[in-house]
Amino acid sequence: MSGNIYVGIGGWTFEPWRGVFYPKGLTHKRELEYASRQLTSIEINGTYYSSFKPASWAKWRDETPEGFVFSVKASRFCTNRRVLAEAGESIDRFFAQGIVELGDRLGPVNWQFMGTKRFDPEDFEAFLKLLPRELGKRPLRHALEVRHGSFQDARFYELARKYGAAIVYAHDEDFPEIDQPTADFTYARLMGSQAKVKTGYKPADLDGWAKRAKAWSKKGDAFVYFISGAKERNPAAAQALITKLK
């Protein structure tokens, strides 16, 4: 099995990118159009905080080229709760907002959990059972971003594997670093870009990420996002990695 490698950033609206990543004079309305032609994927993270109308999803689809893929961060109302088994209504509401309008631009859905959320095998499996397997007859891919050390547990890995969900590989000193093959794709969030480095990461570090991304792609599609850290450097980091992967 082998897959594609998608590389991108979180969101596309950030003032410090204007005149640096985005050309001077580019209107804000055209930023997604531009970014989607420099990168191969973007994680939509505004969806973590609020919902959008179907027309917005359709507009994002139409502004991006063939082959470009979005990942979507699920609503916090689904994951930031004491009992995950009770998230069914929130999950239904999240998918009903119009995500289906992305069509073939829809990639994985990232379910991010708070750093205080501990692993409870029974409750977590109940949550996984609530996740839909398809949307508009298109298969859905789910990624689980856990941030508490209690998830470094073989029982969690087996649950993710049982339900075909990827465990997000988070490269950040504050979160558990889990690289387990639990799905037919890999989802990585790299959060260590440095402001003093023009490309966010030094060339040797980018070589390492390119090697790792290629290894992940042997098991299926790999989604690699430069998130947080020195956010102003993340587009450059993504572009540099894309160049190294060619």
Protein backbone atom coordinates (compact mmCIF):
# COMPACT_ATOMS: atom_id res chain seq x y z
CA MET A 1 0.00 0.00 0.00
CA SER A 2 1.21 3.50 -0.77
CA GLY A 3 -0.46 6.87 -0.62
CA ASN A 4 -0.14 10.58 -1.29
CA ILE A 5 1.58 13.05 1.00
CA TYR A 6 -0.40 16.21 1.73
CA VAL A 7 1.41 19.11 3.37
CA GLY A 8 -0.08 22.30 4.71
CA ILE A 9 -0.90 24.66 7.55
CA GLY A 10 -3.74 25.45 9.93
CA GLY A 11 -6.19 27.95 8.47
CA TRP A 12 -5.43 30.54 5.81
CA THR A 13 -6.26 33.86 7.50
CA PHE A 14 -3.37 35.28 9.54
CA GLU A 15 -2.25 38.90 9.26
CA PRO A 16 1.54 38.24 9.56
CA TRP A 17 1.35 36.07 6.40
CA ARG A 18 0.28 39.07 4.33
CA GLY A 19 3.16 40.48 2.32
CA VAL A 20 5.32 37.50 3.34
CA PHE A 21 3.51 34.33 2.27
CA TYR A 22 0.73 36.20 0.49
CA PRO A 23 1.89 38.67 -2.19
CA LYS A 24 1.51 42.33 -1.35
CA GLY A 25 -1.78 43.66 -2.62
CA LEU A 26 -3.53 40.29 -2.71
CA THR A 27 -7.11 40.81 -1.53
CA HIS A 28 -8.17 38.87 1.55
CA LYS A 29 -10.92 37.19 -0.46
CA ARG A 30 -8.29 35.50 -2.64
CA GLU A 31 -6.07 34.17 0.13
CA LEU A 32 -7.51 30.65 0.10
CA GLU A 33 -7.27 30.56 -3.69
CA TYR A 34 -3.58 31.48 -3.44
CA ALA A 35 -2.69 29.26 -0.47
CA SER A 36 -4.31 26.19 -2.01
CA ARG A 37 -2.02 26.52 -5.02
CA GLN A 38 1.16 26.77 -2.93
CA LEU A 39 0.25 23.96 -0.53
CA THR A 40 -1.52 20.63 -0.94
CA SER A 41 -3.75 20.71 2.14
CA ILE A 42 -5.08 23.02 4.84
CA GLU A 43 -6.56 22.12 8.20
CA ILE A 44 -9.75 24.12 8.72
CA ASN A 45 -9.65 24.92 12.43
CA GLY A 46 -12.27 27.65 12.72
CA THR A 47 -14.77 24.80 12.83
CA TYR A 48 -13.52 23.93 16.29
CA TYR A 49 -15.13 27.11 17.62
CA SER A 50 -18.13 27.72 15.37
CA SER A 51 -20.23 26.31 12.55
CA PHE A 52 -20.58 27.53 8.96
CA LYS A 53 -23.32 27.59 6.37
CA PRO A 54 -23.37 25.16 3.41
CA ALA A 55 -22.59 28.07 1.07
CA SER A 56 -19.27 28.64 2.87
CA TRP A 57 -18.19 25.02 2.43
CA ALA A 58 -19.16 25.12 -1.24
CA LYS A 59 -17.21 28.36 -1.71
CA TRP A 60 -14.08 26.83 -0.17
CA ARG A 61 -14.44 23.84 -2.47
CA ASP A 62 -14.76 26.01 -5.54
CA GLU A 63 -11.76 28.19 -4.66
CA THR A 64 -9.36 25.25 -4.48
CA PRO A 65 -7.84 23.19 -7.30
CA GLU A 66 -8.36 19.53 -8.15
CA GLY A 67 -6.25 17.31 -5.91
CA PHE A 68 -6.26 19.75 -2.99
CA VAL A 69 -7.62 18.35 0.28
CA PHE A 70 -8.94 19.97 3.46
CA SER A 71 -8.91 18.37 6.86
CA VAL A 72 -11.55 19.63 9.27
CA LYS A 73 -11.21 20.10 13.00
CA ALA A 74 -14.37 18.88 14.72
CA SER A 75 -16.39 21.08 17.03
CA ARG A 76 -15.20 21.41 20.62
CA PHE A 77 -18.78 20.67 21.70
CA CYS A 78 -18.21 17.10 20.56
CA THR A 79 -14.96 16.48 22.43
CA ASN A 80 -14.81 18.90 25.39
CA ARG A 81 -17.23 17.03 27.61
CA ARG A 82 -17.05 14.87 30.72
CA VAL A 83 -18.96 11.95 29.17
CA LEU A 84 -17.98 11.35 25.55
CA ALA A 85 -20.72 8.76 25.13
CA GLU A 86 -23.23 11.64 25.26
CA ALA A 87 -21.74 13.46 22.26
CA GLY A 88 -24.10 11.97 19.66
CA GLU A 89 -26.30 15.02 19.16
CA SER A 90 -23.31 17.36 18.87
CA ILE A 91 -21.63 15.05 16.36
CA ASP A 92 -24.78 14.95 14.23
CA ARG A 93 -25.06 18.73 14.35
CA PHE A 94 -21.41 19.13 13.35
CA PHE A 95 -21.79 17.04 10.21
CA ALA A 96 -25.18 18.55 9.33
CA GLN A 97 -23.80 22.07 8.87
CA GLY A 98 -22.83 21.44 5.23
CA ILE A 99 -19.45 19.71 5.29
CA VAL A 100 -20.72 17.42 2.54
CA GLU A 101 -20.39 20.39 0.18
CA LEU A 102 -16.60 19.95 0.18
CA GLY A 103 -17.07 16.85 -1.98
CA ASP A 104 -13.74 15.33 -2.99
CA ARG A 105 -11.87 18.13 -1.17
CA LEU A 106 -12.84 16.55 2.17
CA GLY A 107 -10.01 14.77 3.92
CA PRO A 108 -9.79 13.59 7.55
CA VAL A 109 -11.75 14.98 10.48
CA ASN A 110 -9.56 15.83 13.46
CA TRP A 111 -11.17 15.19 16.86
CA GLN A 112 -9.04 17.17 19.29
CA PHE A 113 -9.36 16.50 23.02
CA MET A 114 -8.32 18.81 25.84
CA GLY A 115 -5.08 18.17 27.68
CA THR A 116 -7.05 17.40 30.83
CA LYS A 117 -9.05 14.61 29.17
CA ARG A 118 -7.90 11.22 30.46
CA PHE A 119 -8.27 7.89 28.74
CA ASP A 120 -11.37 5.97 29.84
CA PRO A 121 -11.54 2.81 27.66
CA GLU A 122 -15.28 2.25 27.98
CA ASP A 123 -16.31 5.86 27.41
CA PHE A 124 -13.85 6.35 24.59
CA GLU A 125 -15.11 3.31 22.73
CA ALA A 126 -18.67 4.59 23.14
CA PHE A 127 -17.51 7.82 21.48
CA LEU A 128 -15.87 5.98 18.60
CA LYS A 129 -19.10 4.10 17.96
CA LEU A 130 -20.85 7.44 17.43
CA LEU A 131 -18.58 8.56 14.60
CA PRO A 132 -20.24 8.14 11.18
CA ARG A 133 -18.46 6.00 8.62
CA GLU A 134 -19.56 8.03 5.61
CA LEU A 135 -21.00 11.39 4.62
CA GLY A 136 -22.98 11.77 1.41
CA LYS A 137 -21.87 8.28 0.39
CA ARG A 138 -18.20 9.30 0.77
CA PRO A 139 -16.13 7.36 3.33
CA LEU A 140 -15.04 9.42 6.33
CA ARG A 141 -11.58 9.29 7.88
CA HIS A 142 -11.26 10.12 11.56
CA ALA A 143 -8.13 11.27 13.42
CA LEU A 144 -7.89 11.39 17.21
CA GLU A 145 -5.76 14.14 18.73
CA VAL A 146 -5.25 13.26 22.38
CA ARG A 147 -3.19 15.42 24.72
CA HIS A 148 -2.97 13.54 28.01
CA GLY A 149 -0.28 11.00 28.84
CA SER A 150 -2.85 8.41 29.92
CA PHE A 151 -3.52 7.74 26.22
CA GLN A 152 -0.10 6.18 25.84
CA ASP A 153 -1.81 2.89 26.46
CA ALA A 154 -1.97 -0.25 24.33
CA ARG A 155 -5.72 -0.40 24.97
CA PHE A 156 -6.16 2.98 23.30
CA TYR A 157 -4.09 1.91 20.31
CA GLU A 158 -6.21 -1.22 19.93
CA LEU A 159 -9.44 0.77 20.12
CA ALA A 160 -8.23 3.18 17.44
CA ARG A 161 -7.21 0.23 15.27
CA LYS A 162 -10.55 -1.51 15.83
CA TYR A 163 -12.46 1.53 14.54
CA GLY A 164 -9.95 2.45 11.83
CA ALA A 165 -9.15 5.84 13.35
CA ALA A 166 -5.70 7.42 13.10
CA ILE A 167 -3.99 8.69 16.23
CA VAL A 168 -2.63 12.16 15.52
CA TYR A 169 1.14 12.29 15.73
CA ALA A 170 1.80 15.50 17.65
CA HIS A 171 5.34 16.81 17.68
CA ASP A 172 5.25 19.08 20.71
CA GLU A 173 7.02 18.73 24.03
CA ASP A 174 3.78 19.32 25.95
CA PHE A 175 1.80 16.47 24.37
CA PRO A 176 2.28 12.70 24.14
CA GLU A 177 4.13 11.70 20.97
CA ILE A 178 2.30 8.66 19.61
CA ASP A 179 3.28 7.15 16.27
CA GLN A 180 1.08 4.06 15.96
CA PRO A 181 -0.25 2.62 12.67
CA THR A 182 -3.94 2.32 13.57
CA ALA A 183 -5.54 3.42 10.27
CA ASP A 184 -4.90 3.44 6.54
CA PHE A 185 -3.62 7.03 6.75
CA THR A 186 -1.36 9.14 8.97
CA TYR A 187 -2.13 12.55 10.45
CA ALA A 188 0.76 14.61 11.83
CA ARG A 189 0.81 18.05 13.42
CA LEU A 190 4.30 19.57 13.74
CA MET A 191 4.37 22.36 16.31
CA GLY A 192 8.03 23.30 16.64
CA SER A 193 8.71 25.95 14.00
CA GLN A 194 11.18 28.65 15.06
CA ALA A 195 10.88 32.36 14.36
CA LYS A 196 14.62 32.80 13.82
CA VAL A 197 14.68 30.19 11.04
CA LYS A 198 13.33 31.49 7.71
CA THR A 199 11.81 28.13 6.80
CA GLY A 200 10.60 27.44 10.33
CA TYR A 201 12.77 24.34 10.61
CA LYS A 202 16.44 23.92 9.75
CA PRO A 203 17.23 22.05 6.50
CA ALA A 204 18.41 18.95 8.36
CA ASP A 205 15.16 18.85 10.36
CA LEU A 206 13.10 19.20 7.20
CA ASP A 207 15.10 16.35 5.66
CA GLY A 208 14.10 14.25 8.67
CA TRP A 209 10.42 15.13 8.28
CA ALA A 210 10.56 14.37 4.56
CA LYS A 211 12.03 10.94 5.31
CA ARG A 212 9.38 10.29 7.92
CA ALA A 213 6.54 11.46 5.67
CA LYS A 214 7.72 9.11 2.93
CA ALA A 215 7.74 6.25 5.42
CA TRP A 216 4.20 7.12 6.54
CA SER A 217 3.01 7.24 2.92
CA LYS A 218 4.02 3.62 2.44
CA LYS A 219 1.08 2.77 4.71
CA GLY A 220 -1.42 5.10 2.98
CA ASP A 221 -2.05 8.83 2.64
CA ALA A 222 -0.06 11.07 4.97
CA PHE A 223 -1.30 14.48 6.10
CA VAL A 224 1.41 16.72 7.56
CA TYR A 225 0.54 20.12 9.01
CA PHE A 226 2.77 22.83 10.41
CA ILE A 227 0.75 24.19 13.32
CA SER A 228 1.44 26.66 16.15
CA GLY A 229 5.09 27.24 17.08
CA ALA A 230 6.27 30.30 15.19
CA LYS A 231 3.06 30.49 13.18
CA GLU A 232 4.40 33.18 10.87
CA ARG A 233 6.96 30.66 9.58
CA ASN A 234 4.60 27.75 8.97
CA PRO A 235 3.75 28.44 5.31
CA ALA A 236 7.46 28.60 4.49
CA ALA A 237 8.04 25.36 6.38
CA ALA A 238 5.24 23.64 4.45
CA GLN A 239 6.55 24.91 1.12
CA ALA A 240 10.08 23.80 1.97
CA LEU A 241 8.88 20.31 2.86
CA ILE A 242 6.85 20.06 -0.34
CA THR A 243 9.99 20.95 -2.29
CA LYS A 244 12.03 18.28 -0.51
CA LEU A 245 9.38 15.66 -1.24
CA LYS A 246 9.46 16.27 -4.99
